[in-house]
C-alpha atoms as a PDB file:
ATOM      1  CA  UNK A   1     -20.490  37.408 -59.317  1.00  0.00           C
ATOM      2  CA  UNK A   2     -19.155  40.256 -61.697  1.00  0.00           C
ATOM      3  CA  UNK A   3     -16.230  40.961 -59.105  1.00  0.00           C
ATOM      4  CA  UNK A   4     -15.086  37.264 -59.097  1.00  0.00           C
ATOM      5  CA  UNK A   5     -15.345  37.375 -62.854  1.00  0.00           C
ATOM      6  CA  UNK A   6     -13.057  40.665 -62.658  1.00  0.00           C
ATOM      7  CA  UNK A   7     -10.644  38.864 -60.348  1.00  0.00           C
ATOM      8  CA  UNK A   8     -10.282  36.069 -62.654  1.00  0.00           C
ATOM      9  CA  UNK A   9      -9.059  38.056 -65.622  1.00  0.00           C
ATOM     10  CA  UNK A  10      -6.951  40.013 -63.450  1.00  0.00           C
ATOM     11  CA  UNK A  11      -5.088  36.732 -62.546  1.00  0.00           C
ATOM     12  CA  UNK A  12      -4.821  35.083 -65.710  1.00  0.00           C
ATOM     13  CA  UNK A  13      -3.588  38.084 -67.559  1.00  0.00           C
ATOM     14  CA  UNK A  14      -2.439  41.007 -65.919  1.00  0.00           C
ATOM     15  CA  UNK A  15      -1.961  44.642 -67.119  1.00  0.00           C
ATOM     16  CA  UNK A  16      -3.922  46.892 -69.183  1.00  0.00           C
ATOM     17  CA  UNK A  17      -6.165  43.818 -70.372  1.00  0.00           C
ATOM     18  CA  UNK A  18      -7.209  43.286 -67.008  1.00  0.00           C
ATOM     19  CA  UNK A  19      -8.023  47.088 -65.953  1.00  0.00           C
ATOM     20  CA  UNK A  20     -10.047  47.200 -69.280  1.00  0.00           C
ATOM     21  CA  UNK A  21     -12.117  44.265 -68.460  1.00  0.00           C
ATOM     22  CA  UNK A  22     -12.756  45.710 -65.051  1.00  0.00           C
ATOM     23  CA  UNK A  23     -13.817  48.659 -66.096  1.00  0.00           C
ATOM     24  CA  UNK A  24     -16.091  47.230 -68.835  1.00  0.00           C
ATOM     25  CA  UNK A  25     -17.921  45.313 -66.495  1.00  0.00           C
ATOM     26  CA  UNK A  26     -17.920  47.834 -63.744  1.00  0.00           C
ATOM     27  CA  UNK A  27     -19.249  50.712 -65.316  1.00  0.00           C
ATOM     28  CA  UNK A  28     -22.871  48.993 -66.740  1.00  0.00           C
ATOM     29  CA  UNK A  29     -23.286  47.707 -63.196  1.00  0.00           C
ATOM     30  CA  UNK A  30     -22.421  51.510 -61.416  1.00  0.00           C
ATOM     31  CA  UNK A  31     -25.430  52.697 -64.021  1.00  0.00           C
ATOM     32  CA  UNK A  32     -27.826  49.886 -63.171  1.00  0.00           C
ATOM     33  CA  UNK A  33     -27.434  50.712 -59.599  1.00  0.00           C
ATOM     34  CA  UNK A  34     -27.901  54.297 -59.935  1.00  0.00           C
ATOM     35  CA  UNK A  35     -31.241  53.562 -62.076  1.00  0.00           C
ATOM     36  CA  UNK A  36     -32.464  51.046 -59.037  1.00  0.00           C
ATOM     37  CA  UNK A  37     -32.034  54.250 -56.941  1.00  0.00           C
ATOM     38  CA  UNK A  38     -33.584  56.747 -59.088  1.00  0.00           C
ATOM     39  CA  UNK A  39     -36.667  54.456 -59.471  1.00  0.00           C
ATOM     40  CA  UNK A  40     -36.922  53.680 -55.719  1.00  0.00           C
ATOM     41  CA  UNK A  41     -36.867  57.969 -55.035  1.00  0.00           C
ATOM     42  CA  UNK A  42     -40.093  58.256 -57.816  1.00  0.00           C
ATOM     43  CA  UNK A  43     -42.165  56.613 -54.941  1.00  0.00           C
ATOM     44  CA  UNK A  44     -41.855  59.392 -52.896  1.00  0.00           C
ATOM     45  CA  UNK A  45     -45.273  61.041 -52.164  1.00  0.00           C
ATOM     46  CA  UNK A  46     -46.947  58.078 -53.555  1.00  0.00           C
ATOM     47  CA  UNK A  47     -49.624  56.369 -51.213  1.00  0.00           C
ATOM     48  CA  UNK A  48     -48.645  53.657 -49.561  1.00  0.00           C
ATOM     49  CA  UNK A  49     -51.344  51.018 -50.251  1.00  0.00           C
ATOM     50  CA  UNK A  50     -52.477  48.495 -52.926  1.00  0.00           C
ATOM     51  CA  UNK A  51     -54.718  49.818 -55.557  1.00  0.00           C
ATOM     52  CA  UNK A  52     -58.010  48.311 -55.324  1.00  0.00           C
ATOM     53  CA  UNK A  53     -58.846  48.533 -59.445  1.00  0.00           C
ATOM     54  CA  UNK A  54     -61.647  49.656 -60.695  1.00  0.00           C
ATOM     55  CA  UNK A  55     -65.122  48.651 -59.766  1.00  0.00           C
ATOM     56  CA  UNK A  56     -67.091  46.820 -62.365  1.00  0.00           C
ATOM     57  CA  UNK A  57     -69.764  48.936 -64.116  1.00  0.00           C
ATOM     58  CA  UNK A  58     -71.974  47.384 -67.404  1.00  0.00           C
ATOM     59  CA  UNK A  59     -72.447  49.251 -70.187  1.00  0.00           C
ATOM     60  CA  UNK A  60     -75.445  49.744 -72.816  1.00  0.00           C
ATOM     61  CA  UNK A  61     -76.531  48.801 -74.981  1.00  0.00           C
ATOM     62  CA  UNK A  62     -76.571  45.625 -73.217  1.00  0.00           C
ATOM     63  CA  UNK A  63     -75.141  44.213 -70.018  1.00  0.00           C
ATOM     64  CA  UNK A  64     -71.410  44.118 -70.743  1.00  0.00           C
ATOM     65  CA  UNK A  65     -68.209  44.848 -68.748  1.00  0.00           C
ATOM     66  CA  UNK A  66     -67.181  48.596 -69.275  1.00  0.00           C
ATOM     67  CA  UNK A  67     -63.568  48.868 -70.614  1.00  0.00           C
ATOM     68  CA  UNK A  68     -61.444  49.384 -67.904  1.00  0.00           C
ATOM     69  CA  UNK A  69     -60.874  53.131 -67.017  1.00  0.00           C
ATOM     70  CA  UNK A  70     -57.589  55.005 -67.048  1.00  0.00           C
ATOM     71  CA  UNK A  71     -55.154  54.152 -63.811  1.00  0.00           C
ATOM     72  CA  UNK A  72     -55.335  57.386 -61.619  1.00  0.00           C
ATOM     73  CA  UNK A  73     -51.601  58.980 -61.938  1.00  0.00           C
ATOM     74  CA  UNK A  74     -50.042  57.643 -58.898  1.00  0.00           C
ATOM     75  CA  UNK A  75     -50.801  54.032 -59.101  1.00  0.00           C
ATOM     76  CA  UNK A  76     -49.628  54.291 -63.372  1.00  0.00           C
ATOM     77  CA  UNK A  77     -46.463  55.618 -61.741  1.00  0.00           C
ATOM     78  CA  UNK A  78     -46.242  52.841 -58.969  1.00  0.00           C
ATOM     79  CA  UNK A  79     -47.015  50.568 -61.664  1.00  0.00           C
ATOM     80  CA  UNK A  80     -43.924  51.727 -63.884  1.00  0.00           C
ATOM     81  CA  UNK A  81     -41.491  51.885 -60.944  1.00  0.00           C
ATOM     82  CA  UNK A  82     -42.696  48.339 -59.732  1.00  0.00           C
ATOM     83  CA  UNK A  83     -42.333  47.006 -63.490  1.00  0.00           C
ATOM     84  CA  UNK A  84     -38.576  48.664 -63.775  1.00  0.00           C
ATOM     85  CA  UNK A  85     -37.563  47.314 -60.489  1.00  0.00           C
ATOM     86  CA  UNK A  86     -39.033  43.650 -61.508  1.00  0.00           C
ATOM     87  CA  UNK A  87     -36.942  43.398 -63.940  1.00  0.00           C
ATOM     88  CA  UNK A  88     -33.616  44.726 -61.929  1.00  0.00           C
ATOM     89  CA  UNK A  89     -34.460  41.684 -59.517  1.00  0.00           C
ATOM     90  CA  UNK A  90     -30.968  41.647 -57.037  1.00  0.00           C
ATOM     91  CA  UNK A  91     -30.671  45.293 -58.009  1.00  0.00           C
ATOM     92  CA  UNK A  92     -34.000  46.330 -57.207  1.00  0.00           C
ATOM     93  CA  UNK A  93     -33.913  44.784 -54.438  1.00  0.00           C
ATOM     94  CA  UNK A  94     -30.923  46.449 -52.632  1.00  0.00           C
ATOM     95  CA  UNK A  95     -32.094  49.766 -54.228  1.00  0.00           C
ATOM     96  CA  UNK A  96     -35.434  49.083 -52.179  1.00  0.00           C
ATOM     97  CA  UNK A  97     -33.128  47.659 -48.784  1.00  0.00           C
ATOM     98  CA  UNK A  98     -31.438  51.761 -49.200  1.00  0.00           C
ATOM     99  CA  UNK A  99     -34.598  53.354 -49.502  1.00  0.00           C
ATOM    100  CA  UNK A 100     -35.539  51.689 -46.023  1.00  0.00           C
ATOM    101  CA  UNK A 101     -33.060  54.087 -44.658  1.00  0.00           C
ATOM    102  CA  UNK A 102     -34.474  57.252 -46.579  1.00  0.00           C
ATOM    103  CA  UNK A 103     -35.306  60.465 -44.467  1.00  0.00           C
ATOM    104  CA  UNK A 104     -38.213  60.654 -46.618  1.00  0.00           C
ATOM    105  CA  UNK A 105     -40.946  58.711 -44.526  1.00  0.00           C
ATOM    106  CA  UNK A 106     -42.803  58.301 -48.104  1.00  0.00           C
ATOM    107  CA  UNK A 107     -40.260  56.319 -49.804  1.00  0.00           C
ATOM    108  CA  UNK A 108     -39.195  54.321 -46.390  1.00  0.00           C
ATOM    109  CA  UNK A 109     -43.373  53.124 -46.298  1.00  0.00           C
ATOM    110  CA  UNK A 110     -43.396  52.472 -50.284  1.00  0.00           C
ATOM    111  CA  UNK A 111     -40.198  50.911 -50.097  1.00  0.00           C
ATOM    112  CA  UNK A 112     -41.021  48.315 -47.851  1.00  0.00           C
ATOM    113  CA  UNK A 113     -45.007  47.747 -49.396  1.00  0.00           C
ATOM    114  CA  UNK A 114     -42.890  47.237 -53.108  1.00  0.00           C
ATOM    115  CA  UNK A 115     -41.011  44.818 -51.082  1.00  0.00           C
ATOM    116  CA  UNK A 116     -43.593  42.719 -50.091  1.00  0.00           C
ATOM    117  CA  UNK A 117     -45.357  43.497 -53.438  1.00  0.00           C
ATOM    118  CA  UNK A 118     -42.315  41.681 -55.058  1.00  0.00           C
ATOM    119  CA  UNK A 119     -41.814  38.896 -52.732  1.00  0.00           C
ATOM    120  CA  UNK A 120     -45.580  38.080 -52.900  1.00  0.00           C
ATOM    121  CA  UNK A 121     -46.040  38.093 -56.761  1.00  0.00           C
ATOM    122  CA  UNK A 122     -48.530  40.739 -56.597  1.00  0.00           C
ATOM    123  CA  UNK A 123     -49.309  43.792 -58.821  1.00  0.00           C
ATOM    124  CA  UNK A 124     -47.477  44.425 -61.998  1.00  0.00           C
ATOM    125  CA  UNK A 125     -48.685  45.137 -65.135  1.00  0.00           C
ATOM    126  CA  UNK A 126     -48.060  41.944 -66.057  1.00  0.00           C
ATOM    127  CA  UNK A 127     -50.947  39.203 -65.267  1.00  0.00           C
ATOM    128  CA  UNK A 128     -48.285  36.834 -64.884  1.00  0.00           C
ATOM    129  CA  UNK A 129     -45.961  38.019 -62.496  1.00  0.00           C
ATOM    130  CA  UNK A 130     -42.641  36.018 -60.983  1.00  0.00           C
ATOM    131  CA  UNK A 131     -41.738  36.212 -57.343  1.00  0.00           C
ATOM    132  CA  UNK A 132     -38.623  38.362 -56.263  1.00  0.00           C
ATOM    133  CA  UNK A 133     -36.206  37.028 -53.604  1.00  0.00           C
ATOM    134  CA  UNK A 134     -36.063  39.657 -51.096  1.00  0.00           C
ATOM    135  CA  UNK A 135     -33.782  38.071 -48.613  1.00  0.00           C
ATOM    136  CA  UNK A 136     -31.129  41.012 -49.691  1.00  0.00           C
ATOM    137  CA  UNK A 137     -33.230  43.568 -47.817  1.00  0.00           C
ATOM    138  CA  UNK A 138     -33.395  41.249 -44.708  1.00  0.00           C
ATOM    139  CA  UNK A 139     -31.177  43.197 -42.478  1.00  0.00           C
ATOM    140  CA  UNK A 140     -32.872  46.285 -43.656  1.00  0.00           C
ATOM    141  CA  UNK A 141     -36.552  45.345 -43.154  1.00  0.00           C
ATOM    142  CA  UNK A 142     -35.306  44.233 -39.415  1.00  0.00           C
ATOM    143  CA  UNK A 143     -34.025  47.581 -38.971  1.00  0.00           C
ATOM    144  CA  UNK A 144     -37.204  49.032 -40.407  1.00  0.00           C
ATOM    145  CA  UNK A 145     -39.663  47.391 -37.887  1.00  0.00           C
ATOM    146  CA  UNK A 146     -38.130  50.082 -35.096  1.00  0.00           C
ATOM    147  CA  UNK A 147     -38.846  52.541 -37.613  1.00  0.00           C
ATOM    148  CA  UNK A 148     -40.664  55.858 -35.927  1.00  0.00           C
ATOM    149  CA  UNK A 149     -42.971  55.440 -38.493  1.00  0.00           C
ATOM    150  CA  UNK A 150     -45.787  52.921 -37.681  1.00  0.00           C
ATOM    151  CA  UNK A 151     -46.536  52.445 -41.430  1.00  0.00           C
ATOM    152  CA  UNK A 152     -43.348  51.217 -42.489  1.00  0.00           C
ATOM    153  CA  UNK A 153     -42.981  49.070 -39.341  1.00  0.00           C
ATOM    154  CA  UNK A 154     -46.331  47.389 -40.460  1.00  0.00           C
ATOM    155  CA  UNK A 155     -45.565  46.828 -43.688  1.00  0.00           C
ATOM    156  CA  UNK A 156     -41.902  45.647 -43.074  1.00  0.00           C
ATOM    157  CA  UNK A 157     -43.377  42.757 -40.271  1.00  0.00           C
ATOM    158  CA  UNK A 158     -45.308  41.744 -43.779  1.00  0.00           C
ATOM    159  CA  UNK A 159     -42.376  41.643 -45.893  1.00  0.00           C
ATOM    160  CA  UNK A 160     -40.095  39.490 -43.785  1.00  0.00           C
ATOM    161  CA  UNK A 161     -42.924  37.029 -43.136  1.00  0.00           C
ATOM    162  CA  UNK A 162     -42.347  36.342 -47.080  1.00  0.00           C
ATOM    163  CA  UNK A 163     -39.044  35.327 -46.633  1.00  0.00           C
ATOM    164  CA  UNK A 164     -40.068  32.036 -44.632  1.00  0.00           C
ATOM    165  CA  UNK A 165     -37.450  30.580 -42.459  1.00  0.00           C
ATOM    166  CA  UNK A 166     -35.050  32.987 -43.214  1.00  0.00           C
ATOM    167  CA  UNK A 167     -36.598  35.629 -41.428  1.00  0.00           C
ATOM    168  CA  UNK A 168     -35.878  34.306 -38.212  1.00  0.00           C
ATOM    169  CA  UNK A 169     -33.762  36.816 -36.926  1.00  0.00           C
ATOM    170  CA  UNK A 170     -36.967  39.247 -37.184  1.00  0.00           C
ATOM    171  CA  UNK A 171     -38.990  37.109 -34.293  1.00  0.00           C
ATOM    172  CA  UNK A 172     -37.430  39.318 -31.366  1.00  0.00           C
ATOM    173  CA  UNK A 173     -38.742  42.118 -33.077  1.00  0.00           C
ATOM    174  CA  UNK A 174     -42.184  40.737 -34.272  1.00  0.00           C
ATOM    175  CA  UNK A 175     -42.835  39.631 -30.388  1.00  0.00           C
ATOM    176  CA  UNK A 176     -42.253  43.160 -29.442  1.00  0.00           C
ATOM    177  CA  UNK A 177     -44.728  44.318 -32.126  1.00  0.00           C
ATOM    178  CA  UNK A 178     -47.071  42.186 -30.326  1.00  0.00           C
ATOM    179  CA  UNK A 179     -47.173  44.135 -27.689  1.00  0.00           C
ATOM    180  CA  UNK A 180     -47.975  47.636 -29.168  1.00  0.00           C
ATOM    181  CA  UNK A 181     -51.190  49.281 -28.563  1.00  0.00           C
ATOM    182  CA  UNK A 182     -51.826  49.521 -32.571  1.00  0.00           C
ATOM    183  CA  UNK A 183     -54.006  46.844 -33.237  1.00  0.00           C
ATOM    184  CA  UNK A 184     -52.875  47.506 -37.227  1.00  0.00           C
ATOM    185  CA  UNK A 185     -49.217  46.631 -35.970  1.00  0.00           C
ATOM    186  CA  UNK A 186     -50.143  43.603 -33.822  1.00  0.00           C
ATOM    187  CA  UNK A 187     -51.894  42.419 -36.840  1.00  0.00           C
ATOM    188  CA  UNK A 188     -48.867  42.747 -39.163  1.00  0.00           C
ATOM    189  CA  UNK A 189     -46.510  41.188 -36.728  1.00  0.00           C
ATOM    190  CA  UNK A 190     -48.797  38.181 -36.601  1.00  0.00           C
ATOM    191  CA  UNK A 191     -48.931  37.975 -40.205  1.00  0.00           C
ATOM    192  CA  UNK A 192     -44.864  37.859 -40.343  1.00  0.00           C
ATOM    193  CA  UNK A 193     -44.892  35.039 -37.261  1.00  0.00           C
ATOM    194  CA  UNK A 194     -46.811  33.173 -39.295  1.00  0.00           C
ATOM    195  CA  UNK A 195     -44.987  33.378 -42.293  1.00  0.00           C
ATOM    196  CA  UNK A 196     -42.119  32.685 -40.875  1.00  0.00           C
ATOM    197  CA  UNK A 197     -43.242  29.312 -39.553  1.00  0.00           C
ATOM    198  CA  UNK A 198     -41.250  27.076 -37.196  1.00  0.00           C
ATOM    199  CA  UNK A 199     -38.238  29.133 -36.667  1.00  0.00           C
ATOM    200  CA  UNK A 200     -40.978  31.548 -34.578  1.00  0.00           C
ATOM    201  CA  UNK A 201     -41.343  29.456 -31.601  1.00  0.00           C
ATOM    202  CA  UNK A 202     -39.398  31.565 -29.562  1.00  0.00           C
ATOM    203  CA  UNK A 203     -42.786  33.858 -30.303  1.00  0.00           C
ATOM    204  CA  UNK A 204     -45.044  31.323 -28.948  1.00  0.00           C
ATOM    205  CA  UNK A 205     -45.565  32.767 -25.249  1.00  0.00           C
ATOM    206  CA  UNK A 206     -46.546  36.251 -26.462  1.00  0.00           C
ATOM    207  CA  UNK A 207     -48.972  34.537 -29.272  1.00  0.00           C
ATOM    208  CA  UNK A 208     -51.003  32.788 -26.457  1.00  0.00           C
ATOM    209  CA  UNK A 209     -50.676  35.787 -24.019  1.00  0.00           C
ATOM    210  CA  UNK A 210     -51.968  37.931 -26.797  1.00  0.00           C
ATOM    211  CA  UNK A 211     -54.447  35.400 -27.858  1.00  0.00           C
ATOM    212  CA  UNK A 212     -56.178  34.867 -24.522  1.00  0.00           C
ATOM    213  CA  UNK A 213     -56.395  38.661 -23.604  1.00  0.00           C
ATOM    214  CA  UNK A 214     -58.343  38.870 -27.261  1.00  0.00           C
ATOM    215  CA  UNK A 215     -60.940  36.310 -26.735  1.00  0.00           C
ATOM    216  CA  UNK A 216     -61.685  37.838 -23.095  1.00  0.00           C
ATOM    217  CA  UNK A 217     -62.402  41.251 -24.924  1.00  0.00           C
ATOM    218  CA  UNK A 218     -63.289  39.728 -28.189  1.00  0.00           C
ATOM    219  CA  UNK A 219     -60.978  41.417 -30.377  1.00  0.00           C
ATOM    220  CA  UNK A 220     -62.386  41.359 -34.150  1.00  0.00           C
ATOM    221  CA  UNK A 221     -58.592  40.457 -35.181  1.00  0.00           C
ATOM    222  CA  UNK A 222     -58.527  37.658 -32.886  1.00  0.00           C
ATOM    223  CA  UNK A 223     -58.151  34.688 -35.972  1.00  0.00           C
ATOM    224  CA  UNK A 224     -54.991  36.458 -37.083  1.00  0.00           C
ATOM    225  CA  UNK A 225     -53.539  35.469 -33.441  1.00  0.00           C
ATOM    226  CA  UNK A 226     -54.725  31.523 -34.029  1.00  0.00           C
ATOM    227  CA  UNK A 227     -53.437  31.331 -37.553  1.00  0.00           C
ATOM    228  CA  UNK A 228     -50.407  32.717 -36.742  1.00  0.00           C
ATOM    229  CA  UNK A 229     -50.459  29.815 -33.540  1.00  0.00           C
ATOM    230  CA  UNK A 230     -51.193  27.429 -36.052  1.00  0.00           C
ATOM    231  CA  UNK A 231     -48.502  28.086 -38.720  1.00  0.00           C
ATOM    232  CA  UNK A 232     -45.710  28.275 -36.109  1.00  0.00           C
ATOM    233  CA  UNK A 233     -47.049  25.142 -34.476  1.00  0.00           C
ATOM    234  CA  UNK A 234     -47.622  23.341 -37.516  1.00  0.00           C
ATOM    235  CA  UNK A 235     -44.794  24.731 -39.432  1.00  0.00           C
ATOM    236  CA  UNK A 236     -47.363  25.690 -42.119  1.00  0.00           C
ATOM    237  CA  UNK A 237     -47.021  29.043 -43.213  1.00  0.00           C
ATOM    238  CA  UNK A 238     -50.528  30.833 -43.875  1.00  0.00           C
ATOM    239  CA  UNK A 239     -51.554  33.843 -45.336  1.00  0.00           C
ATOM    240  CA  UNK A 240     -53.969  36.506 -44.121  1.00  0.00           C
ATOM    241  CA  UNK A 241     -57.187  37.229 -45.548  1.00  0.00           C
END
């Protein structure tokens, strides 16, 4: 959008005015990208998990909820970064996509988790959060499905499911993940396939096979396979419990 706008000025005006317009528009954009990348780097070292929140405690002199205690430092930092990236929208998503390629495993994990949170409308300091379109990160998320770190792979699998049918290119990698020896990864693959829905029909043989194996072994995650089968068959994406 920005580039097209600048090009239109160059075609109509030419010369120095066009160059000035291009620079005026490009500099804020470059700063926005730099800010987004700096925010993603702040995810380094943070635990890649959702904060469960404080327990409700009753306070005297009469039973009533106590004021919420201060957030742990790591969670306060996470929420600050999340709020800023949410406000940047597309620039934030693109920065998180680059974060998935970081050499820092904690940045890769948290980039995948942040994309999941932003796309699902979870979290944030604002009680009314808006879902962010993360389709710009699809290619990076698919690449992360083969990340050497199992936690990054699992979070990426769940994040692609939030893109529904647009994440169909991720199906082969999710099918491969169904054969993992790690139960958590298999669950994440099912969550991703359930979200994708009918375009994930190529995964049906693998889902059926895994479902039958776990039916015989009384695997406690068997219900996720059944939900994935239903979601792919009926075209009704179902969220995990």
